[in-house]
Amino acid sequence: MTGMKGVVGIALGLLLAGAAAAHEGVGTQSVVTTRADHAAGSSQAQGIEQWLAQVSPDRPAMLSGGAFTVSRTYPAAGSASGADLPAQGVAGESRTITRRLPAGDTERWQYVWQNGRWTLGAYDYVSAARNAARRR
């Protein structure tokens, strides 16, 4: 029985040591996420379309019009520029831009700031009509 108590004691000690290290911030990083919604046809929506065309000329939009949501995630120590679409970013920053049409179609781009530029990390397009046909 003493052997089992020793194993439990060691496991508990390691668990407490790990919790203390995590509490001290060892190996952790805080991030901030901001979000902004922009109505279809607004000057902000037009600006987003221009930004997308500029940073992703090889991934043109499949949709036109619609409302946008822009989300920004960045290290807490980074710049506080909000969810706008700047020409530059900070290390560890990502932006997700989602376009929604009233019929339910969506288009989404995910960018990361690396090597001094915005890099497209993921893109997807979801057709509401196609999804509805699959459900039938």
C-alpha atoms as a PDB file:
ATOM      1  CA  MET A   1       0.000   0.000   0.000  1.00  0.00           C
ATOM      2  CA  THR A   2       2.914   2.332   0.681  1.00  0.00           C
ATOM      3  CA  GLY A   3       3.998   2.065  -2.975  1.00  0.00           C
ATOM      4  CA  MET A   4       0.584   3.261  -4.189  1.00  0.00           C
ATOM      5  CA  LYS A   5       0.643   6.230  -1.798  1.00  0.00           C
ATOM      6  CA  GLY A   6       4.088   7.149  -3.135  1.00  0.00           C
ATOM      7  CA  VAL A   7       2.858   7.077  -6.740  1.00  0.00           C
ATOM      8  CA  VAL A   8      -0.177   9.170  -5.832  1.00  0.00           C
ATOM      9  CA  GLY A   9       2.063  11.603  -3.943  1.00  0.00           C
ATOM     10  CA  ILE A  10       4.422  11.978  -6.908  1.00  0.00           C
ATOM     11  CA  ALA A  11       1.516  12.434  -9.347  1.00  0.00           C
ATOM     12  CA  LEU A  12      -0.098  15.004  -7.065  1.00  0.00           C
ATOM     13  CA  GLY A  13       3.216  16.837  -6.684  1.00  0.00           C
ATOM     14  CA  LEU A  14       3.717  16.974 -10.455  1.00  0.00           C
ATOM     15  CA  LEU A  15       0.150  18.172 -10.948  1.00  0.00           C
ATOM     16  CA  LEU A  16       0.562  20.954  -8.391  1.00  0.00           C
ATOM     17  CA  ALA A  17       3.941  21.976  -9.827  1.00  0.00           C
ATOM     18  CA  GLY A  18       2.419  22.149 -13.320  1.00  0.00           C
ATOM     19  CA  ALA A  19      -0.503  24.208 -12.061  1.00  0.00           C
ATOM     20  CA  ALA A  20       1.868  26.602 -10.288  1.00  0.00           C
ATOM     21  CA  ALA A  21       3.969  27.019 -13.448  1.00  0.00           C
ATOM     22  CA  ALA A  22       0.851  27.684 -15.537  1.00  0.00           C
ATOM     23  CA  HIS A  23      -0.376  30.170 -12.954  1.00  0.00           C
ATOM     24  CA  GLU A  24       2.918  32.064 -13.171  1.00  0.00           C
ATOM     25  CA  GLY A  25       2.386  32.465 -16.934  1.00  0.00           C
ATOM     26  CA  VAL A  26       5.173  30.113 -17.971  1.00  0.00           C
ATOM     27  CA  GLY A  27       4.556  29.221 -21.592  1.00  0.00           C
ATOM     28  CA  THR A  28       1.251  31.061 -21.865  1.00  0.00           C
ATOM     29  CA  GLN A  29       0.253  33.987 -24.040  1.00  0.00           C
ATOM     30  CA  SER A  30      -2.871  36.093 -23.821  1.00  0.00           C
ATOM     31  CA  VAL A  31      -4.692  36.992 -27.016  1.00  0.00           C
ATOM     32  CA  VAL A  32      -7.373  39.528 -27.825  1.00  0.00           C
ATOM     33  CA  THR A  33     -10.158  39.056 -30.376  1.00  0.00           C
ATOM     34  CA  THR A  34     -12.170  41.925 -31.812  1.00  0.00           C
ATOM     35  CA  ARG A  35     -15.109  41.735 -34.194  1.00  0.00           C
ATOM     36  CA  ALA A  36     -16.850  44.256 -36.420  1.00  0.00           C
ATOM     37  CA  ASP A  37     -19.976  43.786 -38.552  1.00  0.00           C
ATOM     38  CA  HIS A  38     -20.474  45.812 -41.737  1.00  0.00           C
ATOM     39  CA  ALA A  39     -23.774  46.133 -43.607  1.00  0.00           C
ATOM     40  CA  ALA A  40     -24.107  45.232 -47.269  1.00  0.00           C
ATOM     41  CA  GLY A  41     -23.424  48.210 -49.524  1.00  0.00           C
ATOM     42  CA  SER A  42     -21.734  50.251 -46.783  1.00  0.00           C
ATOM     43  CA  SER A  43     -18.496  52.084 -47.441  1.00  0.00           C
ATOM     44  CA  GLN A  44     -16.819  49.652 -45.021  1.00  0.00           C
ATOM     45  CA  ALA A  45     -18.063  46.664 -47.068  1.00  0.00           C
ATOM     46  CA  GLN A  46     -16.689  48.252 -50.226  1.00  0.00           C
ATOM     47  CA  GLY A  47     -13.365  48.821 -48.474  1.00  0.00           C
ATOM     48  CA  ILE A  48     -13.250  45.165 -47.430  1.00  0.00           C
ATOM     49  CA  GLU A  49     -13.829  44.053 -51.029  1.00  0.00           C
ATOM     50  CA  GLN A  50     -10.937  46.294 -52.153  1.00  0.00           C
ATOM     51  CA  TRP A  51      -8.669  44.967 -49.381  1.00  0.00           C
ATOM     52  CA  LEU A  52      -9.448  41.358 -50.351  1.00  0.00           C
ATOM     53  CA  ALA A  53      -8.683  42.064 -54.007  1.00  0.00           C
ATOM     54  CA  GLN A  54      -5.397  43.703 -53.022  1.00  0.00           C
ATOM     55  CA  VAL A  55      -4.080  41.031 -50.636  1.00  0.00           C
ATOM     56  CA  SER A  56      -5.475  37.979 -52.491  1.00  0.00           C
ATOM     57  CA  PRO A  57      -5.458  38.677 -56.218  1.00  0.00           C
ATOM     58  CA  ASP A  58      -5.223  34.900 -56.832  1.00  0.00           C
ATOM     59  CA  ARG A  59      -8.359  34.206 -54.752  1.00  0.00           C
ATOM     60  CA  PRO A  60     -11.081  36.461 -56.144  1.00  0.00           C
ATOM     61  CA  ALA A  61     -14.425  36.623 -54.398  1.00  0.00           C
ATOM     62  CA  MET A  62     -17.044  34.213 -55.706  1.00  0.00           C
ATOM     63  CA  LEU A  63     -19.891  36.337 -54.362  1.00  0.00           C
ATOM     64  CA  SER A  64     -20.707  40.010 -54.623  1.00  0.00           C
ATOM     65  CA  GLY A  65     -22.555  42.221 -52.190  1.00  0.00           C
ATOM     66  CA  GLY A  66     -23.605  40.921 -48.825  1.00  0.00           C
ATOM     67  CA  ALA A  67     -22.705  41.845 -45.278  1.00  0.00           C
ATOM     68  CA  PHE A  68     -19.247  41.305 -43.768  1.00  0.00           C
ATOM     69  CA  THR A  69     -17.899  40.339 -40.385  1.00  0.00           C
ATOM     70  CA  VAL A  70     -14.222  40.991 -39.696  1.00  0.00           C
ATOM     71  CA  SER A  71     -12.546  39.322 -36.722  1.00  0.00           C
ATOM     72  CA  ARG A  72      -9.029  40.035 -35.528  1.00  0.00           C
ATOM     73  CA  THR A  73      -7.022  37.901 -33.105  1.00  0.00           C
ATOM     74  CA  TYR A  74      -3.655  39.151 -31.896  1.00  0.00           C
ATOM     75  CA  PRO A  75      -1.279  38.826 -28.942  1.00  0.00           C
ATOM     76  CA  ALA A  76      -2.388  41.031 -26.039  1.00  0.00           C
ATOM     77  CA  ALA A  77       0.925  42.883 -26.276  1.00  0.00           C
ATOM     78  CA  GLY A  78       0.182  43.734 -29.935  1.00  0.00           C
ATOM     79  CA  SER A  79      -1.269  46.820 -31.530  1.00  0.00           C
ATOM     80  CA  ALA A  80      -4.851  47.825 -30.711  1.00  0.00           C
ATOM     81  CA  SER A  81      -5.959  48.800 -34.229  1.00  0.00           C
ATOM     82  CA  GLY A  82      -9.370  47.159 -33.883  1.00  0.00           C
ATOM     83  CA  ALA A  83     -11.027  44.991 -36.500  1.00  0.00           C
ATOM     84  CA  ASP A  84     -10.278  47.306 -39.428  1.00  0.00           C
ATOM     85  CA  LEU A  85      -8.154  45.940 -42.277  1.00  0.00           C
ATOM     86  CA  PRO A  86      -4.715  47.514 -42.120  1.00  0.00           C
ATOM     87  CA  ALA A  87      -1.904  47.236 -44.636  1.00  0.00           C
ATOM     88  CA  GLN A  88       0.323  45.799 -41.893  1.00  0.00           C
ATOM     89  CA  GLY A  89      -0.129  43.524 -38.899  1.00  0.00           C
ATOM     90  CA  VAL A  90       1.774  42.304 -35.855  1.00  0.00           C
ATOM     91  CA  ALA A  91       3.496  38.959 -35.350  1.00  0.00           C
ATOM     92  CA  GLY A  92       0.949  36.318 -34.360  1.00  0.00           C
ATOM     93  CA  GLU A  93      -2.018  38.277 -35.728  1.00  0.00           C
ATOM     94  CA  SER A  94      -4.814  36.721 -37.773  1.00  0.00           C
ATOM     95  CA  ARG A  95      -7.868  38.140 -39.539  1.00  0.00           C
ATOM     96  CA  THR A  96     -11.014  36.293 -40.558  1.00  0.00           C
ATOM     97  CA  ILE A  97     -13.380  37.916 -43.024  1.00  0.00           C
ATOM     98  CA  THR A  98     -16.808  36.388 -43.573  1.00  0.00           C
ATOM     99  CA  ARG A  99     -19.263  37.531 -46.248  1.00  0.00           C
ATOM    100  CA  ARG A 100     -22.926  36.542 -45.835  1.00  0.00           C
ATOM    101  CA  LEU A 101     -25.650  36.898 -48.447  1.00  0.00           C
ATOM    102  CA  PRO A 102     -29.345  37.052 -47.477  1.00  0.00           C
ATOM    103  CA  ALA A 103     -29.955  33.684 -49.201  1.00  0.00           C
ATOM    104  CA  GLY A 104     -27.453  32.063 -46.820  1.00  0.00           C
ATOM    105  CA  ASP A 105     -24.368  31.699 -49.022  1.00  0.00           C
ATOM    106  CA  THR A 106     -21.138  32.448 -47.179  1.00  0.00           C
ATOM    107  CA  GLU A 107     -17.569  33.060 -48.160  1.00  0.00           C
ATOM    108  CA  ARG A 108     -14.690  33.165 -45.668  1.00  0.00           C
ATOM    109  CA  TRP A 109     -11.036  34.142 -45.838  1.00  0.00           C
ATOM    110  CA  GLN A 110      -8.529  33.599 -43.025  1.00  0.00           C
ATOM    111  CA  TYR A 111      -5.266  35.554 -43.094  1.00  0.00           C
ATOM    112  CA  VAL A 112      -2.174  35.522 -40.916  1.00  0.00           C
ATOM    113  CA  TRP A 113       0.516  38.196 -40.717  1.00  0.00           C
ATOM    114  CA  GLN A 114       3.850  36.563 -41.519  1.00  0.00           C
ATOM    115  CA  ASN A 115       7.054  37.539 -43.258  1.00  0.00           C
ATOM    116  CA  GLY A 116       5.908  41.156 -43.482  1.00  0.00           C
ATOM    117  CA  ARG A 117       2.656  40.510 -45.341  1.00  0.00           C
ATOM    118  CA  TRP A 118      -0.854  39.119 -45.052  1.00  0.00           C
ATOM    119  CA  THR A 119      -0.915  35.476 -46.130  1.00  0.00           C
ATOM    120  CA  LEU A 120      -4.106  33.631 -47.004  1.00  0.00           C
ATOM    121  CA  GLY A 121      -4.230  30.596 -44.714  1.00  0.00           C
ATOM    122  CA  ALA A 122      -7.691  29.290 -45.610  1.00  0.00           C
ATOM    123  CA  TYR A 123     -10.634  30.058 -47.861  1.00  0.00           C
ATOM    124  CA  ASP A 124     -14.045  28.470 -48.127  1.00  0.00           C
ATOM    125  CA  TYR A 125     -17.324  29.049 -49.899  1.00  0.00           C
ATOM    126  CA  VAL A 126     -20.594  27.493 -48.754  1.00  0.00           C
ATOM    127  CA  SER A 127     -23.608  27.490 -51.047  1.00  0.00           C
ATOM    128  CA  ALA A 128     -26.905  27.547 -49.160  1.00  0.00           C
ATOM    129  CA  ALA A 129     -28.729  26.024 -52.137  1.00  0.00           C
ATOM    130  CA  ARG A 130     -26.244  23.173 -52.377  1.00  0.00           C
ATOM    131  CA  ASN A 131     -26.520  22.448 -48.651  1.00  0.00           C
ATOM    132  CA  ALA A 132     -30.315  22.485 -48.879  1.00  0.00           C
ATOM    133  CA  ALA A 133     -30.235  20.000 -51.781  1.00  0.00           C
ATOM    134  CA  ARG A 134     -28.000  17.633 -49.761  1.00  0.00           C
ATOM    135  CA  ARG A 135     -30.468  17.630 -46.864  1.00  0.00           C
ATOM    136  CA  ARG A 136     -33.364  16.474 -49.048  1.00  0.00           C
END
